């Protein structure tokens, strides 16, 4: 193809990329990657066909500007995520501490009550779970039923990692989304999950299965249980904004509350993914001694608590 025909064919998307790189508007920024790839292709053709140095230089400058813009955006988004993890998530949790504490109470108090009840009365568990579910749970944590030192295959660990992600995030999302019903959905899921967890823990402790149950849950529990409570806090914030919108219309109050609620959910989802990873590859291991699991689990809990209390304290934009 002659150079003039090539220029006539490609000049329009060169112009579009140049205009997009010159403009400060973000309206058409989504077109940048495709235009950049097209001009890179045009530059390669121009070099291959030995077009004039002026055209090659022009396309090369255009490609360099496009690369700089894309790289700059990538760094910007990476820095935003780093700031969120290092400071903003902890700040938004402390800013909504009342909802976090309420969520903790709704989750932990029923759990403690059911733990005590099921520990002293082995039949109570059947009022919260079916007979088949209880038997399955007992078989899972029965020290006599577990083959000592029989480690799971790596592909099974990977499959369980995917299952735990789906399961954990499902619980977190239901707990959060239920808040749209005046907070009642979040309250229900927090109390329900607290009852189930407390009942299971109390029943297994009463049976003498502590040496298999607690080493398994202590590690990932630091991230999973707190993330569920944070999801509940986000849902309660949504629900309260509908019940008591203050000076705003309910829709406006809901939108304002959602800004913090969504940020809490971003952090909760990250924690649930971490919990799934630990549960699949660490908690389930039969080769790691219980003492080591208790030690590592304690460190995880200390890390989560310290992170929530202190992360972002030195930032100029948060508590």
Protein backbone atom coordinates (compact mmCIF):
# COMPACT_ATOMS: atom_id res chain seq x y z
CA UNK A 1 0.00 0.00 0.00
CA UNK A 2 1.29 3.46 -0.92
CA UNK A 3 1.98 5.81 1.96
CA UNK A 4 -0.69 8.32 0.92
CA UNK A 5 -3.38 5.65 0.83
CA UNK A 6 -2.19 4.36 4.22
CA UNK A 7 -2.40 7.84 5.72
CA UNK A 8 -5.86 8.43 4.25
CA UNK A 9 -7.06 5.12 5.69
CA UNK A 10 -5.63 5.56 9.19
CA UNK A 11 -5.60 9.33 9.72
CA UNK A 12 -8.96 9.39 11.53
CA UNK A 13 -7.99 7.15 14.46
CA UNK A 14 -4.63 8.96 14.68
CA UNK A 15 -6.57 12.17 15.05
CA UNK A 16 -8.89 10.61 17.65
CA UNK A 17 -5.98 9.34 19.75
CA UNK A 18 -4.17 12.68 19.52
CA UNK A 19 -7.35 14.53 20.53
CA UNK A 20 -7.96 12.12 23.43
CA UNK A 21 -4.40 12.52 24.70
CA UNK A 22 -4.57 16.31 24.43
CA UNK A 23 -7.99 16.69 26.06
CA UNK A 24 -8.37 16.62 29.85
CA UNK A 25 -11.91 15.30 29.58
CA UNK A 26 -12.55 11.73 30.83
CA UNK A 27 -15.69 11.28 28.74
CA UNK A 28 -14.11 9.06 26.02
CA UNK A 29 -11.25 7.61 28.09
CA UNK A 30 -12.59 4.11 27.53
CA UNK A 31 -11.53 4.33 23.87
CA UNK A 32 -7.88 4.88 24.78
CA UNK A 33 -6.69 1.23 24.95
CA UNK A 34 -8.18 0.24 21.56
CA UNK A 35 -6.92 3.39 19.81
CA UNK A 36 -3.48 2.89 21.36
CA UNK A 37 -3.29 -0.72 20.11
CA UNK A 38 -4.37 0.38 16.62
CA UNK A 39 -1.70 3.08 16.39
CA UNK A 40 0.94 0.60 17.65
CA UNK A 41 -0.08 -1.66 14.77
CA UNK A 42 0.11 1.26 12.32
CA UNK A 43 3.59 2.15 13.57
CA UNK A 44 4.78 -1.41 13.03
CA UNK A 45 3.40 -1.36 9.45
CA UNK A 46 4.98 2.01 8.73
CA UNK A 47 8.40 0.72 9.82
CA UNK A 48 7.98 -2.53 7.92
CA UNK A 49 6.97 -0.75 4.70
CA UNK A 50 9.75 1.84 5.09
CA UNK A 51 7.47 4.87 4.96
CA UNK A 52 9.02 8.32 5.35
CA UNK A 53 10.89 9.08 8.61
CA UNK A 54 8.50 11.97 9.27
CA UNK A 55 5.46 9.62 9.41
CA UNK A 56 7.32 7.02 11.48
CA UNK A 57 8.45 9.70 13.91
CA UNK A 58 4.92 11.10 14.20
CA UNK A 59 3.43 7.67 14.96
CA UNK A 60 6.25 6.87 17.36
CA UNK A 61 5.56 10.08 19.33
CA UNK A 62 1.85 9.25 19.37
CA UNK A 63 2.53 5.75 20.69
CA UNK A 64 4.87 7.09 23.39
CA UNK A 65 2.23 9.59 24.56
CA UNK A 66 -0.40 6.86 24.63
CA UNK A 67 1.87 4.52 26.57
CA UNK A 68 2.63 7.25 29.09
CA UNK A 69 -1.08 7.95 29.63
CA UNK A 70 -1.94 4.26 30.07
CA UNK A 71 0.98 3.64 32.42
CA UNK A 72 0.10 6.75 34.40
CA UNK A 73 -3.49 5.50 34.85
CA UNK A 74 -2.29 2.05 35.91
CA UNK A 75 -0.05 3.54 38.59
CA UNK A 76 -2.90 5.81 39.70
CA UNK A 77 -5.31 2.90 40.20
CA UNK A 78 -2.61 0.82 41.90
CA UNK A 79 -1.88 3.68 44.27
CA UNK A 80 -5.58 4.10 45.02
CA UNK A 81 -5.87 0.43 45.99
CA UNK A 82 -2.74 0.62 48.11
CA UNK A 83 -4.11 3.68 49.90
CA UNK A 84 -7.42 1.89 50.43
CA UNK A 85 -5.73 -1.15 51.96
CA UNK A 86 -3.21 0.78 54.02
CA UNK A 87 -5.45 3.56 55.32
CA UNK A 88 -8.95 4.08 53.95
CA UNK A 89 -10.50 0.74 54.94
CA UNK A 90 -9.49 1.14 58.57
CA UNK A 91 -10.70 4.75 58.53
CA UNK A 92 -14.13 3.87 57.15
CA UNK A 93 -14.53 1.12 59.76
CA UNK A 94 -13.75 3.51 62.60
CA UNK A 95 -15.96 6.20 61.06
CA UNK A 96 -18.85 3.71 61.24
CA UNK A 97 -17.85 2.14 64.55
CA UNK A 98 -21.42 2.23 65.91
CA UNK A 99 -22.62 -0.03 63.10
CA UNK A 100 -19.59 -2.29 63.50
CA UNK A 101 -20.21 -2.69 67.25
CA UNK A 102 -23.92 -3.35 66.71
CA UNK A 103 -23.11 -5.94 64.07
CA UNK A 104 -20.61 -7.61 66.43
CA UNK A 105 -23.24 -7.78 69.17
CA UNK A 106 -25.86 -9.28 66.83
CA UNK A 107 -23.37 -11.91 65.69
CA UNK A 108 -21.42 -12.74 68.85
CA UNK A 109 -24.11 -12.68 71.55
CA UNK A 110 -26.35 -15.35 69.92
CA UNK A 111 -23.19 -17.35 69.23
CA UNK A 112 -22.08 -17.26 72.86
CA UNK A 113 -25.56 -18.14 74.09
CA UNK A 114 -25.89 -21.11 71.70
CA UNK A 115 -22.35 -22.28 72.48
CA UNK A 116 -23.21 -22.46 76.19
CA UNK A 117 -26.62 -24.01 75.59
CA UNK A 118 -25.34 -26.71 73.23
CA UNK A 119 -22.35 -27.43 75.49
CA UNK A 120 -24.60 -28.22 78.44
CA UNK A 121 -27.43 -29.83 76.45
CA UNK A 122 -26.39 -32.00 73.50
CA UNK A 123 -29.92 -32.13 72.08
CA UNK A 124 -30.29 -28.39 71.45
CA UNK A 125 -28.22 -28.53 68.26
CA UNK A 126 -31.05 -30.44 66.57
CA UNK A 127 -33.29 -27.39 66.94
CA UNK A 128 -30.94 -25.40 64.69
CA UNK A 129 -29.73 -28.10 62.27
CA UNK A 130 -31.17 -31.29 60.77
CA UNK A 131 -30.07 -34.70 61.98
CA UNK A 132 -28.19 -35.33 58.73
CA UNK A 133 -26.31 -32.02 58.98
CA UNK A 134 -25.30 -32.75 62.56
CA UNK A 135 -24.03 -36.22 61.64
CA UNK A 136 -22.06 -34.84 58.71
CA UNK A 137 -20.51 -32.20 60.95
CA UNK A 138 -19.61 -34.76 63.63
CA UNK A 139 -17.98 -37.06 61.06
CA UNK A 140 -15.98 -34.14 59.67
CA UNK A 141 -14.38 -33.29 63.03
CA UNK A 142 -14.38 -36.71 64.74
CA UNK A 143 -10.72 -37.42 65.63
CA UNK A 144 -11.35 -41.15 65.17
CA UNK A 145 -12.77 -40.67 61.68
CA UNK A 146 -9.92 -38.51 60.38
CA UNK A 147 -6.88 -40.27 59.00
CA UNK A 148 -3.88 -38.85 60.80
CA UNK A 149 -1.32 -37.43 58.39
CA UNK A 150 -3.50 -38.04 55.33
CA UNK A 151 -2.97 -34.81 53.38
CA UNK A 152 -5.38 -33.61 50.70
CA UNK A 153 -4.22 -33.48 47.08
CA UNK A 154 -3.15 -30.06 45.76
CA UNK A 155 -5.83 -30.03 43.06
CA UNK A 156 -8.45 -30.69 45.76
CA UNK A 157 -7.09 -27.75 47.76
CA UNK A 158 -7.46 -25.54 44.70
CA UNK A 159 -11.02 -26.73 44.12
CA UNK A 160 -11.90 -26.08 47.77
CA UNK A 161 -10.33 -22.62 47.50
CA UNK A 162 -12.83 -21.78 44.75
CA UNK A 163 -15.67 -23.28 46.79
CA UNK A 164 -14.75 -21.31 49.89
CA UNK A 165 -14.55 -18.06 47.91
CA UNK A 166 -18.04 -18.62 46.53
CA UNK A 167 -19.41 -19.71 49.91
CA UNK A 168 -17.78 -16.94 51.98
CA UNK A 169 -18.62 -14.11 49.61
CA UNK A 170 -22.17 -15.45 49.31
CA UNK A 171 -22.63 -15.17 53.08
CA UNK A 172 -21.06 -11.71 53.16
CA UNK A 173 -23.15 -10.40 50.28
CA UNK A 174 -26.43 -11.72 51.70
CA UNK A 175 -25.62 -10.17 55.06
CA UNK A 176 -24.87 -6.84 53.36
CA UNK A 177 -27.69 -6.81 50.80
CA UNK A 178 -30.28 -7.73 53.42
CA UNK A 179 -29.76 -4.28 54.92
CA UNK A 180 -31.79 -2.71 52.13
CA UNK A 181 -34.92 -4.11 53.84
CA UNK A 182 -34.72 -1.54 56.64
CA UNK A 183 -31.75 -3.45 58.09
CA UNK A 184 -33.89 -6.49 58.93
CA UNK A 185 -32.12 -8.79 56.48
CA UNK A 186 -28.71 -7.95 57.92
CA UNK A 187 -29.98 -8.47 61.46
CA UNK A 188 -31.44 -11.87 60.49
CA UNK A 189 -28.28 -13.17 58.80
CA UNK A 190 -26.02 -11.93 61.60
CA UNK A 191 -28.12 -13.63 64.29
CA UNK A 192 -28.61 -16.77 62.18
CA UNK A 193 -24.91 -17.22 61.42
CA UNK A 194 -24.04 -16.52 65.04
CA UNK A 195 -26.51 -19.18 66.20
CA UNK A 196 -25.21 -21.78 63.75
CA UNK A 197 -21.54 -21.14 64.49
CA UNK A 198 -22.06 -21.00 68.25
CA UNK A 199 -24.23 -24.10 68.22
CA UNK A 200 -21.73 -26.09 66.17
CA UNK A 201 -18.80 -24.99 68.35
CA UNK A 202 -20.62 -25.79 71.59
CA UNK A 203 -21.83 -29.18 70.35
CA UNK A 204 -18.42 -30.27 69.08
CA UNK A 205 -16.76 -29.08 72.30
CA UNK A 206 -19.27 -31.08 74.33
CA UNK A 207 -18.41 -34.19 72.27
CA UNK A 208 -14.69 -33.70 72.92
CA UNK A 209 -13.79 -32.74 69.34
CA UNK A 210 -11.99 -29.54 70.37
CA UNK A 211 -8.61 -30.82 69.17
CA UNK A 212 -9.85 -31.00 65.58
CA UNK A 213 -12.39 -28.15 65.42
CA UNK A 214 -10.59 -25.18 66.97
CA UNK A 215 -7.21 -25.66 65.23
CA UNK A 216 -9.14 -25.74 61.96
CA UNK A 217 -11.16 -22.54 62.46
CA UNK A 218 -8.75 -20.31 64.38
CA UNK A 219 -6.65 -19.33 61.36
CA UNK A 220 -9.18 -18.34 58.72
CA UNK A 221 -11.72 -17.28 61.36
CA UNK A 222 -9.74 -14.10 62.02
CA UNK A 223 -10.57 -12.88 58.51
CA UNK A 224 -13.85 -14.68 57.80
CA UNK A 225 -15.78 -13.91 60.98
CA UNK A 226 -14.71 -10.27 61.11
CA UNK A 227 -15.57 -9.86 57.42
CA UNK A 228 -19.08 -11.20 58.04
CA UNK A 229 -19.52 -8.71 60.87
CA UNK A 230 -18.22 -5.89 58.67
CA UNK A 231 -20.69 -6.95 55.93
CA UNK A 232 -23.45 -6.75 58.51
CA UNK A 233 -22.27 -3.27 59.57
CA UNK A 234 -22.45 -2.11 55.94
CA UNK A 235 -25.97 -3.52 55.63
CA UNK A 236 -27.08 -1.91 58.88
CA UNK A 237 -25.79 1.45 57.65
CA UNK A 238 -27.96 1.13 54.54
CA UNK A 239 -30.98 0.12 56.58
CA UNK A 240 -30.60 2.93 59.09
CA UNK A 241 -30.32 5.50 56.30
CA UNK A 242 -33.76 4.40 55.07
CA UNK A 243 -35.33 4.34 58.54
CA UNK A 244 -33.86 7.69 59.61
CA UNK A 245 -32.83 9.75 56.56
CA UNK A 246 -32.51 12.95 58.59
CA UNK A 247 -32.72 16.09 56.49
CA UNK A 248 -32.43 14.17 53.20
CA UNK A 249 -34.91 12.31 51.08
CA UNK A 250 -34.63 8.55 51.62
CA UNK A 251 -33.10 7.94 48.19
CA UNK A 252 -30.48 10.64 48.79
CA UNK A 253 -29.72 9.34 52.29
CA UNK A 254 -29.33 5.82 50.89
CA UNK A 255 -26.88 7.03 48.23
CA UNK A 256 -24.82 8.88 50.84
CA UNK A 257 -24.76 5.85 53.15
CA UNK A 258 -23.81 3.58 50.26
CA UNK A 259 -20.51 5.44 49.77
CA UNK A 260 -19.11 4.13 53.05
CA UNK A 261 -21.05 0.86 52.90
CA UNK A 262 -19.54 -0.08 49.54
CA UNK A 263 -16.04 0.72 50.79
CA UNK A 264 -16.62 -1.55 53.79
CA UNK A 265 -17.74 -4.30 51.42
CA UNK A 266 -14.64 -3.89 49.26
CA UNK A 267 -12.51 -4.59 52.31
CA UNK A 268 -14.78 -7.40 53.51
CA UNK A 269 -14.55 -9.18 50.15
CA UNK A 270 -10.74 -8.98 50.24
CA UNK A 271 -10.79 -10.45 53.75
CA UNK A 272 -13.13 -13.25 52.65
CA UNK A 273 -10.81 -14.17 49.79
CA UNK A 274 -7.88 -14.26 52.22
CA UNK A 275 -9.95 -16.43 54.56
CA UNK A 276 -10.77 -18.82 51.70
CA UNK A 277 -7.08 -19.14 50.83
CA UNK A 278 -6.10 -19.88 54.44
CA UNK A 279 -8.96 -22.32 54.90
CA UNK A 280 -8.12 -24.27 51.73
CA UNK A 281 -4.34 -24.42 52.01
CA UNK A 282 -3.58 -24.02 55.72
CA UNK A 283 -6.51 -24.79 58.01
CA UNK A 284 -7.26 -28.10 56.28
CA UNK A 285 -3.68 -29.38 56.50
CA UNK A 286 -3.30 -32.44 58.73
CA UNK A 287 0.49 -32.21 58.70
CA UNK A 288 0.72 -28.96 60.68
CA UNK A 289 0.64 -29.51 64.47
CA UNK A 290 -2.28 -27.98 66.36
CA UNK A 291 0.09 -25.89 68.47
CA UNK A 292 1.45 -24.22 65.33
CA UNK A 293 -2.07 -23.55 64.05
CA UNK A 294 -3.01 -21.97 67.38
CA UNK A 295 0.09 -19.80 67.28
CA UNK A 296 -0.42 -18.65 63.70
CA UNK A 297 -4.14 -18.18 64.28
CA UNK A 298 -3.42 -15.96 67.28
CA UNK A 299 -1.07 -13.85 65.15
CA UNK A 300 -3.80 -13.52 62.50
CA UNK A 301 -6.28 -12.28 65.10
CA UNK A 302 -3.77 -9.81 66.53
CA UNK A 303 -3.02 -8.55 63.02
CA UNK A 304 -6.71 -8.03 62.14
CA UNK A 305 -7.49 -6.26 65.42
CA UNK A 306 -4.39 -4.04 65.19
CA UNK A 307 -5.11 -3.25 61.53
CA UNK A 308 -8.69 -2.19 62.26
CA UNK A 309 -7.68 -0.03 65.22
CA UNK A 310 -4.55 1.62 63.82
CA UNK A 311 -4.46 1.56 60.00
CA UNK A 312 -4.76 5.05 58.57
CA UNK A 313 -4.34 6.80 61.92
CA UNK A 314 -1.47 8.90 60.61
CA UNK A 315 -3.28 9.85 57.42
CA UNK A 316 -4.38 13.47 57.03
CA UNK A 317 -7.75 12.38 55.62
CA UNK A 318 -9.18 10.14 58.26
CA UNK A 319 -9.54 9.25 61.96
